[in-house]
Protein backbone atom coordinates (compact mmCIF):
# COMPACT_ATOMS: atom_id res chain seq x y z
CA UNK A 1 47.65 96.59 21.19
CA UNK A 2 49.50 98.65 18.60
CA UNK A 3 52.67 96.57 18.23
CA UNK A 4 52.47 94.45 15.12
CA UNK A 5 53.02 90.68 14.94
CA UNK A 6 56.13 89.89 12.94
CA UNK A 7 56.14 86.10 12.85
CA UNK A 8 53.92 83.10 13.38
CA UNK A 9 55.20 82.79 16.93
CA UNK A 10 53.08 83.83 19.92
CA UNK A 11 54.21 85.32 23.22
CA UNK A 12 54.56 82.68 25.86
CA UNK A 13 52.71 83.41 29.10
CA UNK A 14 54.89 84.82 31.84
CA UNK A 15 56.30 82.09 34.05
CA UNK A 16 55.19 81.99 37.67
CA UNK A 17 58.68 82.97 38.82
CA UNK A 18 58.75 85.99 36.53
CA UNK A 19 55.31 87.05 37.74
CA UNK A 20 56.46 86.61 41.32
CA UNK A 21 59.48 88.81 40.60
CA UNK A 22 57.21 91.64 39.50
CA UNK A 23 54.91 91.18 42.47
CA UNK A 24 57.91 91.33 44.81
CA UNK A 25 59.13 94.48 43.10
CA UNK A 26 55.78 96.18 43.64
CA UNK A 27 55.69 94.99 47.25
CA UNK A 28 59.05 96.69 47.85
CA UNK A 29 57.56 99.93 46.59
CA UNK A 30 59.60 99.95 43.38
CA UNK A 31 58.41 102.43 40.76
CA UNK A 32 57.06 100.58 37.70
CA UNK A 33 56.02 102.06 34.35
CA UNK A 34 52.30 102.52 33.80
CA UNK A 35 49.68 104.35 31.79
CA UNK A 36 47.74 107.04 33.62
CA UNK A 37 43.93 107.38 33.61
CA UNK A 38 44.12 109.19 30.26
CA UNK A 39 45.98 106.32 28.61
CA UNK A 40 49.25 108.27 28.58
CA UNK A 41 52.62 107.00 29.76
CA UNK A 42 53.33 108.32 33.25
CA UNK A 43 56.65 109.89 34.28
CA UNK A 44 58.91 107.99 36.68
CA UNK A 45 61.50 110.43 38.07
CA UNK A 46 65.04 109.35 38.85
CA UNK A 47 65.22 107.89 42.38
CA UNK A 48 66.89 104.96 44.16
CA UNK A 49 63.64 102.98 43.86
CA UNK A 50 63.26 103.50 40.11
CA UNK A 51 65.15 100.85 38.17
CA UNK A 52 63.51 102.16 35.00
CA UNK A 53 62.90 105.90 34.64
CA UNK A 54 60.45 107.61 32.31
CA UNK A 55 60.64 111.26 31.25
CA UNK A 56 58.16 112.67 28.77
CA UNK A 57 59.29 115.55 26.57
CA UNK A 58 56.40 116.50 24.35
CA UNK A 59 55.98 113.85 21.66
CA UNK A 60 59.08 111.89 22.70
CA UNK A 61 59.94 109.96 25.84
CA UNK A 62 63.26 109.15 27.52
CA UNK A 63 63.46 105.67 29.07
CA UNK A 64 66.48 105.00 31.31
CA UNK A 65 67.87 101.97 33.12
CA UNK A 66 68.95 102.88 36.64
CA UNK A 67 70.99 100.32 38.58
CA UNK A 68 74.35 102.13 38.69
CA UNK A 69 75.46 100.23 41.79
CA UNK A 70 75.35 97.08 39.63
CA UNK A 71 76.69 98.67 36.44
CA UNK A 72 73.07 98.87 35.28
CA UNK A 73 72.86 95.10 34.98
CA UNK A 74 69.33 93.89 34.31
CA UNK A 75 67.72 91.87 37.09
CA UNK A 76 64.14 90.62 36.54
CA UNK A 77 62.67 93.82 38.03
CA UNK A 78 64.56 96.02 35.57
CA UNK A 79 64.01 93.68 32.62
CA UNK A 80 60.26 93.33 33.03
CA UNK A 81 59.96 97.00 34.01
CA UNK A 82 61.54 97.91 30.68
CA UNK A 83 59.20 95.51 28.88
CA UNK A 84 56.29 97.35 30.52
CA UNK A 85 57.75 100.73 29.54
CA UNK A 86 58.07 99.67 25.90
CA UNK A 87 54.45 98.49 25.87
CA UNK A 88 53.22 101.73 27.43
CA UNK A 89 55.20 103.82 24.94
CA UNK A 90 53.85 101.84 22.00
CA UNK A 91 50.28 102.21 23.22
CA UNK A 92 50.41 105.91 24.11
CA UNK A 93 48.95 107.81 21.12
CA UNK A 94 50.59 111.06 22.23
CA UNK A 95 54.14 109.69 21.88
CA UNK A 96 55.95 109.25 18.55
CA UNK A 97 59.53 108.23 19.41
CA UNK A 98 61.53 106.93 22.40
CA UNK A 99 65.15 107.29 23.51
CA UNK A 100 66.60 104.45 25.57
CA UNK A 101 69.72 105.22 27.64
CA UNK A 102 71.55 104.34 30.86
CA UNK A 103 72.00 106.42 34.00
CA UNK A 104 75.43 106.69 35.60
CA UNK A 105 78.87 105.85 34.23
CA UNK A 106 77.76 102.98 31.96
CA UNK A 107 74.90 102.07 29.69
CA UNK A 108 74.78 98.52 31.10
CA UNK A 109 76.88 95.42 31.60
CA UNK A 110 73.94 93.28 30.55
CA UNK A 111 72.18 90.56 32.47
CA UNK A 112 72.46 90.09 36.22
CA UNK A 113 73.32 86.39 35.88
CA UNK A 114 72.76 85.44 39.52
CA UNK A 115 69.39 87.20 39.69
CA UNK A 116 68.21 85.61 36.44
CA UNK A 117 69.53 82.08 37.07
CA UNK A 118 66.23 80.65 38.44
CA UNK A 119 64.31 81.98 35.44
CA UNK A 120 66.98 80.83 32.99
CA UNK A 121 66.69 77.25 34.22
CA UNK A 122 62.99 77.23 33.30
CA UNK A 123 64.00 77.56 29.63
CA UNK A 124 61.81 80.66 29.31
CA UNK A 125 63.75 83.40 31.10
CA UNK A 126 62.44 86.32 29.06
CA UNK A 127 58.78 85.36 28.53
CA UNK A 128 56.51 88.37 29.01
CA UNK A 129 52.85 88.74 29.97
CA UNK A 130 50.04 90.98 28.77
CA UNK A 131 50.89 94.65 29.12
CA UNK A 132 54.56 94.07 28.22
CA UNK A 133 56.52 93.98 24.99
CA UNK A 134 59.25 91.48 24.14
CA UNK A 135 62.48 93.49 24.52
CA UNK A 136 64.33 91.41 21.94
CA UNK A 137 61.51 91.83 19.37
CA UNK A 138 61.44 88.09 18.71
CA UNK A 139 57.66 87.96 18.23
CA UNK A 140 56.66 91.62 18.07
CA UNK A 141 58.34 94.88 17.20
CA UNK A 142 57.63 98.34 18.48
CA UNK A 143 55.40 100.12 15.99
CA UNK A 144 57.18 103.41 16.74
CA UNK A 145 60.89 104.30 16.42
CA UNK A 146 63.32 103.50 19.23
CA UNK A 147 66.67 105.28 19.47
CA UNK A 148 69.36 103.76 21.69
CA UNK A 149 72.05 105.97 23.21
CA UNK A 150 74.99 104.08 24.74
CA UNK A 151 78.11 104.99 26.67
CA UNK A 152 80.70 103.30 28.87
CA UNK A 153 80.33 99.55 29.28
CA UNK A 154 77.70 98.16 26.90
CA UNK A 155 78.04 94.42 27.26
CA UNK A 156 76.16 91.28 26.30
CA UNK A 157 72.42 91.68 26.93
CA UNK A 158 72.90 95.46 26.86
CA UNK A 159 74.48 95.21 23.40
CA UNK A 160 71.57 93.00 22.32
CA UNK A 161 68.98 95.48 23.59
CA UNK A 162 70.83 98.24 21.75
CA UNK A 163 70.76 96.20 18.52
CA UNK A 164 66.94 96.11 18.69
CA UNK A 165 66.82 99.92 18.31
CA UNK A 166 66.09 101.48 14.93
CA UNK A 167 68.79 104.15 15.28
CA UNK A 168 71.87 103.96 17.54
CA UNK A 169 74.07 106.72 18.94
CA UNK A 170 77.24 106.09 20.96
CA UNK A 171 79.49 108.19 23.11
CA UNK A 172 83.16 108.02 22.15
CA UNK A 173 83.87 106.29 25.47
CA UNK A 174 81.62 103.29 24.74
CA UNK A 175 83.07 99.81 25.30
CA UNK A 176 81.04 97.13 23.54
CA UNK A 177 81.24 93.48 24.51
CA UNK A 178 79.54 90.23 23.54
CA UNK A 179 81.74 87.92 25.59
CA UNK A 180 79.35 85.26 26.94
CA UNK A 181 81.39 82.47 25.33
CA UNK A 182 84.32 83.32 27.60
CA UNK A 183 82.01 82.64 30.59
CA UNK A 184 80.62 79.29 29.46
CA UNK A 185 77.40 80.80 28.09
CA UNK A 186 76.35 82.17 24.71
CA UNK A 187 74.58 85.32 23.45
CA UNK A 188 71.02 84.20 24.10
CA UNK A 189 69.21 87.51 23.69
CA UNK A 190 69.41 87.74 19.87
CA UNK A 191 72.99 88.79 19.02
CA UNK A 192 73.55 85.49 17.19
CA UNK A 193 70.80 86.66 14.83
CA UNK A 194 70.94 90.46 14.74
CA UNK A 195 74.70 91.06 15.07
CA UNK A 196 75.62 89.12 11.88
CA UNK A 197 72.71 90.76 10.06
CA UNK A 198 73.81 94.27 11.10
CA UNK A 199 77.60 93.93 10.99
CA UNK A 200 78.21 91.07 8.58
CA UNK A 201 79.06 87.48 9.47
CA UNK A 202 82.82 87.86 9.84
CA UNK A 203 82.63 91.06 11.87
CA UNK A 204 80.09 89.60 14.30
CA UNK A 205 81.89 86.28 14.71
CA UNK A 206 85.21 88.09 15.21
CA UNK A 207 83.86 89.41 18.51
CA UNK A 208 81.30 86.81 19.62
CA UNK A 209 83.67 83.86 19.21
CA UNK A 210 86.69 85.53 20.85
CA UNK A 211 84.98 87.62 23.52
CA UNK A 212 87.14 90.62 22.60
CA UNK A 213 85.62 94.03 23.23
CA UNK A 214 85.46 96.92 20.75
CA UNK A 215 84.86 100.65 20.69
CA UNK A 216 82.80 103.33 18.98
CA UNK A 217 84.93 103.68 15.85
CA UNK A 218 84.88 99.93 15.19
CA UNK A 219 81.12 99.80 15.76
CA UNK A 220 80.67 102.66 13.33
CA UNK A 221 82.88 100.93 10.76
CA UNK A 222 80.69 97.82 11.01
CA UNK A 223 77.52 99.91 10.61
CA UNK A 224 76.14 99.00 14.03
CA UNK A 225 76.00 102.61 15.25
CA UNK A 226 75.02 105.58 13.14
CA UNK A 227 76.52 108.49 15.09
CA UNK A 228 79.36 109.07 17.57
CA UNK A 229 79.33 111.94 20.07
CA UNK A 230 82.23 113.27 22.12
CA UNK A 231 80.82 112.31 25.53
CA UNK A 232 77.72 110.74 27.14
CA UNK A 233 75.88 114.05 27.59
CA UNK A 234 76.33 114.99 23.95
CA UNK A 235 75.35 111.48 22.86
CA UNK A 236 72.07 111.77 24.76
CA UNK A 237 71.40 115.20 23.25
CA UNK A 238 72.09 113.78 19.79
CA UNK A 239 69.64 110.95 20.43
CA UNK A 240 66.99 113.40 21.63
CA UNK A 241 67.53 115.57 18.54
CA UNK A 242 67.04 112.55 16.28
CA UNK A 243 63.90 111.55 18.16
CA UNK A 244 62.47 115.04 17.70
CA UNK A 245 63.17 114.91 13.96
CA UNK A 246 61.37 111.58 13.76
CA UNK A 247 58.45 112.89 15.81
CA UNK A 248 58.05 115.82 13.39
CA UNK A 249 57.36 113.41 10.51
CA UNK A 250 53.99 111.94 9.63
CA UNK A 251 53.31 109.18 12.19
CA UNK A 252 51.40 106.93 9.78
CA UNK A 253 54.25 107.05 7.29
CA UNK A 254 56.77 106.30 10.04
CA UNK A 255 54.75 103.33 11.26
CA UNK A 256 54.35 101.95 7.75
CA UNK A 257 58.06 102.41 7.03
CA UNK A 258 58.96 100.30 10.06
CA UNK A 259 56.33 97.68 9.27
CA UNK A 260 57.47 97.37 5.65
CA UNK A 261 61.15 97.14 6.59
CA UNK A 262 60.47 94.45 9.19
CA UNK A 263 58.59 92.34 6.66
CA UNK A 264 61.80 92.06 4.68
CA UNK A 265 63.79 90.46 7.49
CA UNK A 266 61.60 89.10 10.30
CA UNK A 267 60.23 85.98 8.61
CA UNK A 268 63.75 84.65 7.98
CA UNK A 269 64.63 85.17 11.66
CA UNK A 270 61.59 83.43 13.17
CA UNK A 271 63.03 79.91 13.33
CA UNK A 272 66.21 81.09 15.05
CA UNK A 273 64.29 83.20 17.56
CA UNK A 274 62.06 80.23 18.40
CA UNK A 275 65.06 78.25 19.68
CA UNK A 276 66.86 80.98 21.64
CA UNK A 277 65.19 80.55 25.04
CA UNK A 278 65.86 76.82 25.17
CA UNK A 279 69.44 77.22 23.99
CA UNK A 280 70.12 79.95 26.53
CA UNK A 281 68.53 78.10 29.46
CA UNK A 282 70.18 74.82 28.55
CA UNK A 283 73.67 76.21 29.10
CA UNK A 284 72.81 77.13 32.70
CA UNK A 285 72.74 73.40 33.48
CA UNK A 286 76.23 72.66 32.15
CA UNK A 287 79.51 72.11 33.98
CA UNK A 288 81.10 74.76 31.77
CA UNK A 289 78.59 77.36 33.00
CA UNK A 290 79.41 76.51 36.62
CA UNK A 291 83.14 76.65 35.85
CA UNK A 292 82.73 80.04 34.19
CA UNK A 293 80.97 81.45 37.24
CA UNK A 294 83.56 80.01 39.63
CA UNK A 295 86.47 81.31 37.58
CA UNK A 296 84.96 84.78 37.40
CA UNK A 297 84.40 84.86 41.17
CA UNK A 298 87.92 83.58 41.86
CA UNK A 299 89.61 85.91 39.38
CA UNK A 300 91.26 83.12 37.38
CA UNK A 301 91.09 81.88 33.77
CA UNK A 302 88.35 79.26 33.29
CA UNK A 303 89.15 75.72 32.22
CA UNK A 304 86.31 74.40 30.07
CA UNK A 305 85.65 70.73 29.36
CA UNK A 306 82.77 70.98 26.90
CA UNK A 307 80.39 69.36 29.37
């Protein structure tokens, strides 16, 4: 496995419910990422059955989330399918860089809360199994560069997945959000760790604690995105161009650059990452979480009691 360990933590085994979710996905005929008989990442064309698409372009690969009917929210199928895609990319010697993007009008509105609720209550909602890579890079990082290209709504888990990328490009129409606290939850996918690191404490807390959304210019000011394009199509082309530049460089130097840079920050993050799953799952048992869900469904302001 080419992804390097970045802390003393170890991947937890996939929970039985998560494994069952993948088995059910395969039983429905859903297209899942895989390596072919030559050890190369196989294409998954865009189709209604493909929640994660894969398109190889020479030494780079485009990985897309495809649930436009649900604003590209991640249900377990999409989440674990993406974890499989990241693993396959990292272990395909013919690929040197990946571009992660969203199909349709939005990058993603984050987690599909209802679909993930049973897993969240286990306290280990995002545990992966062999042949997958932790999407939040809590225990392992990709050993190759990942470029995220975002547009439209990019909320909560989607913003957290985008923060994991090494380089980030946004369309001018992007609408970022990390508003879990307004729904009786909290950012349990790593924003409490990565957002302050990337944007600075005050900038990150300004948005996580209020639930306010922000746009491309503000994200660029905070240093969270590196390039803004006029529209989603141009943003994707910009991301592809960056990936091709990366792929033209020496792969051993690129890998060592990432490994060295991660050594500077990952050890200090390990303790916080170790607690995230339990903190995230614990809030799904609270009265405030139930109130947040009810208020959202009823279209009214929530009334939280701190219970």
